[in-house]
Protein backbone atom coordinates (compact mmCIF):
# COMPACT_ATOMS: atom_id res chain seq x y z
CA MET A 1 89.33 77.00 102.37
CA PRO A 2 86.00 78.22 101.05
CA GLU A 3 82.97 76.13 102.05
CA THR A 4 81.18 76.07 98.67
CA VAL A 5 82.55 73.42 96.29
CA ILE A 6 80.82 72.07 93.28
CA GLU A 7 81.80 69.83 90.28
CA ILE A 8 81.56 71.13 86.75
CA GLU A 9 81.79 69.23 83.45
CA SER A 10 84.22 70.51 80.76
CA LEU A 11 82.42 71.17 77.42
CA GLN A 12 85.60 70.20 75.45
CA THR A 13 86.61 66.93 77.17
CA GLY A 14 83.64 65.97 79.29
CA GLU A 15 85.91 65.71 82.30
CA ILE A 16 84.70 66.53 85.73
CA HIS A 17 86.50 69.48 87.59
CA PRO A 18 86.02 70.90 91.06
CA ALA A 19 85.15 74.57 91.37
CA VAL A 20 85.25 76.62 94.48
CA TYR A 21 83.37 79.94 95.19
CA GLU A 22 86.45 81.89 96.02
CA HIS A 23 85.40 85.52 95.74
CA PRO A 24 82.11 86.79 97.12
CA TRP A 25 80.42 89.46 95.23
CA PRO A 26 81.44 92.42 97.68
CA VAL A 27 85.14 91.44 97.05
CA ARG A 28 84.76 91.43 93.24
CA PHE A 29 82.68 94.72 93.32
CA CYS A 30 85.33 96.52 95.30
CA HIS A 31 88.15 95.07 93.28
CA TRP A 32 86.91 96.44 90.03
CA LEU A 33 85.68 99.68 91.42
CA ASN A 34 88.87 100.31 93.07
CA ALA A 35 90.84 99.41 89.96
CA GLY A 36 89.14 102.22 88.04
CA SER A 37 89.42 104.73 90.92
CA LEU A 38 93.10 103.99 91.27
CA PHE A 39 93.73 104.71 87.64
CA VAL A 40 92.01 108.08 87.88
CA MET A 41 93.53 108.90 91.19
CA VAL A 42 97.12 108.13 89.96
CA ALA A 43 96.69 109.96 86.69
CA SER A 44 95.19 113.01 88.27
CA GLY A 45 97.66 113.02 91.19
CA LEU A 46 100.57 113.09 88.70
CA GLN A 47 98.85 116.18 87.05
CA ILE A 48 98.81 117.83 90.45
CA PHE A 49 102.37 116.87 91.07
CA ARG A 50 103.31 118.58 87.72
CA ALA A 51 102.39 121.96 89.22
CA PHE A 52 105.18 121.68 91.75
CA PRO A 53 107.38 118.75 91.08
CA SER A 54 109.53 119.06 94.22
CA PHE A 55 109.42 118.17 97.95
CA GLY A 56 111.62 121.01 99.08
CA ALA A 57 111.15 124.77 99.45
CA LYS A 58 109.51 126.62 96.65
CA ILE A 59 112.26 129.13 96.46
CA PRO A 60 114.59 128.09 95.11
CA GLN A 61 112.65 125.25 93.46
CA LYS A 62 114.64 122.16 92.34
CA ASP A 63 112.34 119.88 90.35
CA LEU A 64 112.53 116.15 91.12
CA LEU A 65 110.70 114.72 88.17
CA HIS A 66 109.15 116.27 85.10
CA TRP A 67 106.17 113.94 84.30
CA PRO A 68 104.93 113.99 80.73
CA LYS A 69 101.63 115.82 80.33
CA GLY A 70 100.26 113.22 78.14
CA MET A 71 100.47 110.65 80.91
CA ALA A 72 98.55 112.83 83.41
CA LEU A 73 94.85 113.50 83.79
CA GLY A 74 93.15 116.90 84.07
CA GLY A 75 95.04 119.12 81.64
CA TRP A 76 96.15 121.62 84.32
CA LEU A 77 96.32 121.99 88.21
CA GLY A 78 92.61 122.78 88.61
CA GLY A 79 91.43 119.99 86.33
CA GLY A 80 93.75 117.56 88.03
CA LEU A 81 92.39 118.59 91.45
CA GLN A 82 88.78 118.16 90.36
CA TRP A 83 89.35 114.61 89.13
CA HIS A 84 91.47 113.75 92.15
CA LEU A 85 89.10 115.05 94.77
CA SER A 86 85.99 113.61 92.98
CA PHE A 87 87.32 110.08 92.91
CA LEU A 88 88.83 110.46 96.39
CA TRP A 89 85.26 109.89 97.92
CA LEU A 90 84.67 106.89 95.68
CA TYR A 91 88.04 105.43 96.55
CA THR A 92 87.69 105.94 100.26
CA ALA A 93 84.00 104.62 100.40
CA THR A 94 84.90 101.56 98.39
CA GLY A 95 87.92 100.85 100.64
CA ALA A 96 85.74 101.46 103.79
CA PHE A 97 83.08 99.00 102.48
CA TYR A 98 85.65 96.40 101.59
CA LEU A 99 87.28 96.53 105.08
CA GLY A 100 83.86 96.55 106.75
CA TYR A 101 82.73 93.49 104.77
CA GLN A 102 86.06 91.55 105.34
CA ILE A 103 85.82 92.20 109.07
CA PHE A 104 82.10 91.41 109.71
CA SER A 105 81.92 88.49 107.30
CA GLY A 106 85.20 86.86 108.53
CA ASN A 107 86.39 86.79 104.99
CA TYR A 108 89.53 88.57 106.07
CA ARG A 109 90.93 85.14 107.17
CA GLN A 110 91.63 84.39 103.47
CA VAL A 111 94.02 87.23 102.83
CA LEU A 112 95.39 88.35 106.31
CA PHE A 113 99.03 87.80 106.83
CA LEU A 114 99.74 86.24 110.10
CA PRO A 115 103.01 85.30 111.98
CA GLN A 116 102.59 81.59 111.14
CA ASP A 117 102.73 82.64 107.44
CA ILE A 118 106.14 84.00 107.63
CA ARG A 119 107.90 80.62 107.07
CA GLY A 120 105.98 80.11 103.87
CA VAL A 121 107.07 83.36 102.24
CA TRP A 122 110.53 82.25 101.03
CA PRO A 123 109.46 78.86 99.53
CA MET A 124 106.81 80.71 97.53
CA ALA A 125 109.28 83.48 96.46
CA ARG A 126 111.78 80.73 95.53
CA HIS A 127 109.19 79.07 93.35
CA TYR A 128 108.08 82.18 91.52
CA PHE A 129 111.41 83.99 91.08
CA PHE A 130 113.98 81.14 91.23
CA PHE A 131 112.05 78.20 89.64
CA GLY A 132 112.06 76.22 92.86
CA PRO A 133 109.59 73.46 93.63
CA LYS A 134 105.98 74.58 94.17
CA PRO A 135 104.93 74.19 97.89
CA PRO A 136 101.65 72.40 98.58
CA LEU A 137 98.63 74.76 98.83
CA ARG A 138 95.87 74.39 101.35
CA GLU A 139 94.27 77.77 101.04
CA PRO A 140 93.12 80.08 98.25
CA TYR A 141 96.02 82.57 99.04
CA ASN A 142 99.54 81.42 99.64
CA PRO A 143 101.77 83.24 102.23
CA LEU A 144 103.39 85.43 99.67
CA GLN A 145 100.12 86.53 98.26
CA LYS A 146 98.73 87.16 101.84
CA LEU A 147 101.86 89.39 102.59
CA ALA A 148 101.20 91.31 99.27
CA TYR A 149 97.43 91.87 99.84
CA THR A 150 97.86 92.75 103.46
CA SER A 151 100.45 95.25 102.64
CA ALA A 152 98.30 96.65 99.83
CA ILE A 153 95.45 97.17 102.34
CA GLY A 154 97.93 99.04 104.59
CA LEU A 155 99.17 101.14 101.74
CA GLY A 156 95.54 101.99 100.77
CA VAL A 157 94.84 103.26 104.30
CA LEU A 158 98.14 105.24 104.30
CA SER A 159 97.30 106.72 100.98
CA VAL A 160 93.97 108.19 102.32
CA LEU A 161 95.62 109.45 105.61
CA SER A 162 98.56 111.13 103.85
CA GLY A 163 96.11 112.46 101.16
CA PHE A 164 93.99 114.20 103.79
CA ALA A 165 97.17 115.67 105.52
CA VAL A 166 98.11 117.26 102.05
CA TRP A 167 94.70 118.30 101.14
CA LYS A 168 93.65 119.83 104.55
CA PRO A 169 96.94 120.49 106.46
CA VAL A 170 95.25 123.03 108.78
CA GLN A 171 92.14 121.00 109.67
CA PHE A 172 94.16 117.82 109.88
CA SER A 173 97.27 119.45 111.39
CA TRP A 174 97.81 116.66 113.94
CA LEU A 175 97.82 114.11 111.00
CA ALA A 176 100.42 116.24 109.07
CA TRP A 177 102.45 116.52 112.28
CA LEU A 178 102.48 112.67 112.66
CA MET A 179 103.93 112.51 109.05
CA GLY A 180 106.62 115.08 109.75
CA GLY A 181 104.83 118.13 108.38
CA PHE A 182 103.21 119.16 105.16
CA HIS A 183 106.24 118.63 102.91
CA LEU A 184 106.95 115.13 104.30
CA ALA A 185 103.30 114.26 104.09
CA ARG A 186 103.47 115.10 100.36
CA LEU A 187 106.47 112.89 100.04
CA TRP A 188 104.67 110.01 101.87
CA HIS A 189 101.68 110.37 99.54
CA PHE A 190 103.97 110.22 96.51
CA LEU A 191 106.02 107.21 97.72
CA VAL A 192 102.78 105.28 98.68
CA MET A 193 101.47 105.83 95.12
CA TRP A 194 104.60 104.25 93.69
CA ALA A 195 104.36 101.38 96.18
CA ILE A 196 100.83 100.78 95.15
CA LEU A 197 101.88 100.81 91.45
CA PHE A 198 104.65 98.36 92.24
CA PHE A 199 102.00 95.99 93.88
CA LEU A 200 99.75 96.38 90.89
CA PHE A 201 102.62 95.37 88.56
CA GLY A 202 103.32 92.27 90.71
CA HIS A 203 99.70 91.53 90.97
CA LEU A 204 99.20 91.54 87.19
CA VAL A 205 102.31 89.21 86.85
CA MET A 206 100.83 86.81 89.29
CA VAL A 207 97.45 86.77 87.48
CA VAL A 208 99.33 85.85 84.27
CA LEU A 209 101.39 83.11 85.95
CA HIS A 210 98.39 81.61 87.70
CA GLY A 211 96.39 81.42 84.45
CA TRP A 212 93.03 82.22 82.92
CA ASN A 213 91.02 80.59 85.68
CA ASN A 214 92.44 83.03 88.24
CA PHE A 215 91.12 86.00 86.09
CA VAL A 216 87.82 84.40 85.57
CA SER A 217 87.22 83.71 89.29
CA MET A 218 87.43 87.61 89.92
CA LEU A 219 84.59 87.98 87.33
CA THR A 220 82.23 85.14 88.43
CA GLY A 221 83.46 84.29 91.85
CA TRP A 222 84.08 80.67 90.92
CA LYS A 223 87.62 79.18 90.46
CA LYS A 224 87.90 75.98 88.46
CA ASP A 225 90.47 73.33 89.50
CA PRO A 226 92.22 75.33 92.36
CA ASP A 227 95.29 73.58 93.64
CA TYR A 228 93.97 73.37 97.19
CA ALA A 229 90.60 71.75 96.22
CA PRO A 230 90.10 67.90 96.45
CA HIS A 231 90.39 66.07 93.18
């Protein structure tokens, strides 16, 4: 549980509510910067994919998916590559800064999924998806959230590694080899993108379910009336 807890007074009712400093500024900075970077990376990546929408041999080419041009960024292959490679560095640097901060500050303990969290995943899934009872919370993140966020960090790392294998398959031939070759590296990169989008959809649903205070906390760092705080 975060150490900084204060009491605030509601302007509407005059009631006193506990507030917890849940998100340090580096976490919030990386969150919003990565949100923008991901939007550009996905949209420009889909523009690149439009140039060769297949994962097999080029001759004969059997297209997998014809992605609408209006939902891609860059206008053509060269434009998509320029957007993608420009924001690649911002996305990678932000991710590296986030990981460094989490490790050296010890803040990773909030979100890291550990073996002892396994038994708490099903009760939370049952609560969210099957209207089961809400398990008591003692930490900022419940086991299901920890599983999602830890997986998202792994997906972020894999997106960068597979991206470099696709971008520089000769210079990073060992990386492409680990992924099964250039064609499979492209497939990994594509699948990781959709996995990240699936996580983002679930993340937005959870934000809505947890209410306005959860959104505000990612802007200010402070969360009012968290379930785990003493009342």
